[in-house]
Amino acid sequence: NCLEPFSKILLWIGVIFSSVSWPLEVQPPIDFDVTSQSKLKVYVNFPLKVVNPKIERAVIVVHGVARNADEYFNYALQSAMQEGVENETLIIDPHFKIDSDSKEINELYWSESWKFGDKSHGDRVSSYEIIDKLITEISSNGHFPSLKKVTLIGHSAGGQFVARYSAGSLPPTHSQLKLTYVIANPSSYLYFGPERWDGEKSFAIPDAGCPEYDVYPYGV
């Protein structure tokens, strides 16, 4: 997929690394229906089911291991406002909860391996499927007729999520939609071959002391 101009990539990476925060009054998350009997909490700056021809881009932000989706949403919205593009940018921040988080009835939750695409408890929905459903929702329902691009950005555990999702995701069904990925500070990577960086000058196959090094989520 085509990359956005370098300045825009830096903008969205700046969302994550921003050291200055101007707290905004973040609206409560909405309920995003995943199945007929399950839902996910999602932070958005515009309704997903209201026609909005001003929206030209969507940014889906994946939070880190602390699952502070509200703060990540706040950073993204601040950055959009600083650039003066908040009225044409749809920001979406799904909240991947785990067992220890407070939850409502029928709200999906995962183990800590949500970042690797594992399925939720109960309805057994992959966390990657959530992104598929969100992209389908905003690109196929006709509510955002001017939408041209979607950027999926993740930091830390969210970076691991986006890296692995991008490796196996299909192109968007909307032929005119450009999908780009921004991966920041993941603690591990997915490799397509058995070689790994030896820490010095080259890639090499590790010794037998780590037999599962090439098993997903570290290899395919």
Protein backbone atom coordinates (compact mmCIF):
# COMPACT_ATOMS: atom_id res chain seq x y z
CA ASN A 1 0.00 0.00 0.00
CA CYS A 2 1.09 3.55 -0.68
CA LEU A 3 2.64 5.52 2.13
CA GLU A 4 1.43 8.97 3.01
CA PRO A 5 3.83 11.90 2.62
CA PHE A 6 6.66 11.75 5.12
CA SER A 7 5.40 14.81 6.95
CA LYS A 8 2.09 13.09 7.65
CA ILE A 9 3.82 9.95 8.85
CA LEU A 10 5.79 12.09 11.29
CA LEU A 11 2.55 13.72 12.40
CA TRP A 12 0.96 10.46 13.40
CA ILE A 13 4.12 9.12 15.01
CA GLY A 14 4.12 12.41 16.91
CA VAL A 15 0.76 11.37 18.31
CA ILE A 16 2.50 8.62 20.23
CA PHE A 17 5.72 10.35 21.25
CA SER A 18 4.17 13.66 22.25
CA SER A 19 5.55 14.65 25.66
CA VAL A 20 3.13 17.55 26.10
CA SER A 21 -0.53 16.92 26.72
CA TRP A 22 -3.44 19.34 26.66
CA PRO A 23 -6.25 17.37 28.32
CA LEU A 24 -9.49 17.38 26.35
CA GLU A 25 -12.90 16.34 27.52
CA VAL A 26 -13.06 12.93 25.90
CA GLN A 27 -16.57 11.71 25.26
CA PRO A 28 -17.47 8.27 26.60
CA PRO A 29 -16.79 5.41 24.18
CA ILE A 30 -19.55 4.08 21.99
CA ASP A 31 -20.73 0.49 21.78
CA PHE A 32 -19.55 -1.07 18.52
CA ASP A 33 -21.62 -4.14 17.71
CA VAL A 34 -19.28 -6.97 16.76
CA THR A 35 -21.80 -9.81 16.66
CA SER A 36 -25.50 -9.97 17.42
CA GLN A 37 -24.62 -10.69 21.03
CA SER A 38 -21.30 -8.94 21.63
CA LYS A 39 -19.86 -5.45 21.57
CA LEU A 40 -16.65 -3.51 21.99
CA LYS A 41 -16.05 -0.09 23.48
CA VAL A 42 -14.63 2.30 20.87
CA TYR A 43 -13.62 5.95 21.18
CA VAL A 44 -14.58 8.10 18.18
CA ASN A 45 -14.72 11.80 17.41
CA PHE A 46 -17.63 11.46 14.98
CA PRO A 47 -20.60 9.07 14.93
CA LEU A 48 -20.02 6.01 12.75
CA LYS A 49 -23.61 5.77 11.56
CA VAL A 50 -24.25 9.38 10.54
CA VAL A 51 -23.50 10.63 7.02
CA ASN A 52 -20.46 12.91 7.09
CA PRO A 53 -19.11 13.95 3.67
CA LYS A 54 -16.32 16.02 5.25
CA ILE A 55 -14.33 13.00 6.41
CA GLU A 56 -11.41 12.32 4.04
CA ARG A 57 -9.18 10.15 6.24
CA ALA A 58 -9.59 7.79 9.15
CA VAL A 59 -6.98 7.03 11.79
CA ILE A 60 -7.40 3.86 13.82
CA VAL A 61 -5.21 4.00 16.94
CA VAL A 62 -4.28 0.84 18.84
CA HIS A 63 -3.35 1.43 22.47
CA GLY A 64 -0.42 -0.10 24.34
CA VAL A 65 -0.26 -2.78 27.01
CA ALA A 66 -1.81 -0.47 29.63
CA ARG A 67 -4.98 -0.42 27.48
CA ASN A 68 -5.44 3.32 28.11
CA ALA A 69 -7.48 3.81 24.97
CA ASP A 70 -8.92 7.11 26.18
CA GLU A 71 -5.46 8.67 26.50
CA TYR A 72 -4.34 7.46 23.07
CA PHE A 73 -7.54 8.83 21.59
CA ASN A 74 -6.86 12.15 23.31
CA TYR A 75 -3.33 12.34 21.87
CA ALA A 76 -4.59 11.60 18.37
CA LEU A 77 -7.33 14.20 18.57
CA GLN A 78 -4.89 16.81 19.89
CA SER A 79 -2.52 16.17 16.98
CA ALA A 80 -5.34 16.47 14.46
CA MET A 81 -6.42 19.75 16.04
CA GLN A 82 -2.86 21.11 15.99
CA GLU A 83 -2.70 20.40 12.26
CA GLY A 84 -6.15 21.84 11.66
CA VAL A 85 -7.50 18.60 10.17
CA GLU A 86 -9.85 17.54 12.97
CA ASN A 87 -12.98 18.20 10.91
CA GLU A 88 -11.96 15.90 8.06
CA THR A 89 -10.29 13.19 10.17
CA LEU A 90 -12.20 10.35 11.76
CA ILE A 91 -10.31 9.01 14.79
CA ILE A 92 -11.16 5.55 16.08
CA ASP A 93 -9.61 3.93 19.14
CA PRO A 94 -10.86 0.43 20.01
CA HIS A 95 -10.49 -0.68 23.63
CA PHE A 96 -9.15 -4.23 23.90
CA LYS A 97 -10.00 -5.18 27.47
CA ILE A 98 -8.70 -8.18 29.40
CA ASP A 99 -10.23 -10.28 32.16
CA SER A 100 -9.13 -7.96 34.98
CA ASP A 101 -10.73 -4.86 33.42
CA SER A 102 -14.24 -3.72 34.31
CA LYS A 103 -16.70 -4.82 31.64
CA GLU A 104 -20.35 -4.59 30.75
CA ILE A 105 -22.59 -7.50 29.86
CA ASN A 106 -21.76 -8.83 26.37
CA GLU A 107 -18.57 -6.74 26.16
CA LEU A 108 -15.71 -8.63 24.53
CA TYR A 109 -12.44 -9.21 26.39
CA TRP A 110 -9.21 -11.07 25.70
CA SER A 111 -6.12 -12.42 27.37
CA GLU A 112 -2.91 -10.39 27.22
CA SER A 113 -2.27 -11.93 23.80
CA TRP A 114 -4.91 -9.70 22.20
CA LYS A 115 -1.89 -8.02 20.60
CA PHE A 116 -1.19 -11.22 18.66
CA GLY A 117 -4.68 -11.55 17.22
CA ASP A 118 -5.95 -14.13 19.70
CA LYS A 119 -9.66 -14.75 20.03
CA SER A 120 -11.76 -13.22 22.77
CA HIS A 121 -13.32 -15.18 25.59
CA GLY A 122 -16.93 -16.14 25.02
CA ASP A 123 -17.78 -15.25 21.43
CA ARG A 124 -14.27 -16.13 20.22
CA VAL A 125 -13.59 -13.07 18.03
CA SER A 126 -10.00 -12.38 16.94
CA SER A 127 -8.74 -8.94 17.89
CA TYR A 128 -7.60 -8.60 14.26
CA GLU A 129 -11.18 -9.22 13.15
CA ILE A 130 -12.16 -6.11 15.09
CA ILE A 131 -9.98 -3.99 12.80
CA ASP A 132 -11.47 -5.72 9.74
CA LYS A 133 -14.96 -4.93 10.97
CA LEU A 134 -14.11 -1.30 11.74
CA ILE A 135 -12.61 -0.74 8.29
CA THR A 136 -15.60 -2.41 6.66
CA GLU A 137 -17.96 -0.30 8.74
CA ILE A 138 -16.46 3.04 7.72
CA SER A 139 -15.74 2.17 4.09
CA SER A 140 -18.87 0.28 3.08
CA ASN A 141 -21.81 1.82 4.87
CA GLY A 142 -21.94 4.99 2.74
CA HIS A 143 -21.69 7.29 5.74
CA PHE A 144 -18.26 8.64 4.72
CA PRO A 145 -18.48 9.15 0.94
CA SER A 146 -15.28 11.24 0.79
CA LEU A 147 -13.12 8.78 2.71
CA LYS A 148 -9.89 8.13 0.77
CA LYS A 149 -7.40 6.63 3.24
CA VAL A 150 -7.17 4.75 6.49
CA THR A 151 -4.07 4.80 8.69
CA LEU A 152 -3.65 2.11 11.34
CA ILE A 153 -1.18 3.20 14.01
CA GLY A 154 0.06 1.35 17.06
CA HIS A 155 2.60 1.97 19.82
CA SER A 156 4.37 -0.58 22.02
CA ALA A 157 1.93 -3.51 22.37
CA GLY A 158 -0.17 -1.69 19.80
CA GLY A 159 2.88 -1.62 17.54
CA GLN A 160 3.17 -5.39 17.86
CA PHE A 161 -0.52 -5.64 17.01
CA VAL A 162 -0.26 -3.46 13.89
CA ALA A 163 2.94 -5.16 12.67
CA ARG A 164 1.38 -8.60 12.76
CA TYR A 165 -2.01 -7.46 11.51
CA SER A 166 -0.38 -5.80 8.51
CA ALA A 167 1.53 -8.99 7.69
CA GLY A 168 -1.63 -11.01 7.16
CA SER A 169 -4.37 -8.53 6.36
CA LEU A 170 -6.15 -8.43 3.03
CA PRO A 171 -6.39 -5.25 0.92
CA PRO A 172 -9.46 -3.13 1.73
CA THR A 173 -12.57 -4.15 -0.15
CA HIS A 174 -13.12 -0.54 -1.18
CA SER A 175 -10.92 -0.28 -4.28
CA GLN A 176 -10.28 3.45 -3.84
CA LEU A 177 -9.29 3.21 -0.19
CA LYS A 178 -5.57 3.44 0.68
CA LEU A 179 -4.53 1.60 3.82
CA THR A 180 -1.27 2.52 5.54
CA TYR A 181 0.42 1.33 8.72
CA VAL A 182 2.53 3.16 11.31
CA ILE A 183 4.35 0.91 13.80
CA ALA A 184 6.08 2.50 16.80
CA ASN A 185 8.29 0.85 19.44
CA PRO A 186 7.13 -2.79 19.32
CA SER A 187 9.09 -5.01 21.70
CA SER A 188 9.09 -7.88 19.20
CA TYR A 189 8.67 -8.47 15.48
CA LEU A 190 7.21 -11.08 13.16
CA TYR A 191 9.74 -12.63 10.75
CA PHE A 192 9.01 -14.39 7.47
CA GLY A 193 12.22 -16.42 7.47
CA PRO A 194 14.35 -18.30 10.03
CA GLU A 195 17.19 -15.77 10.15
CA ARG A 196 17.46 -13.23 12.96
CA TRP A 197 19.71 -10.24 13.51
CA ASP A 198 22.81 -11.45 15.32
CA GLY A 199 23.32 -8.14 17.10
CA GLU A 200 26.46 -7.31 15.15
CA LYS A 201 26.62 -7.32 11.37
CA SER A 202 24.22 -9.76 9.80
CA PHE A 203 21.24 -12.10 10.00
CA ALA A 204 21.79 -15.74 10.94
CA ILE A 205 19.85 -18.77 12.13
CA PRO A 206 19.99 -18.96 15.96
CA ASP A 207 21.42 -21.98 17.74
CA ALA A 208 19.26 -24.81 19.05
CA GLY A 209 18.87 -23.20 22.46
CA CYS A 210 15.68 -21.41 21.42
CA PRO A 211 13.57 -24.01 19.61
CA GLU A 212 10.36 -21.93 19.43
CA TYR A 213 11.95 -18.75 18.15
CA ASP A 214 10.37 -19.16 14.70
CA VAL A 215 6.87 -20.04 15.90
CA TYR A 216 4.11 -17.42 15.75
CA PRO A 217 3.98 -14.71 17.01
CA TYR A 218 7.68 -14.42 16.25
CA GLY A 219 7.80 -16.37 12.98
CA VAL A 220 5.52 -17.90 10.39
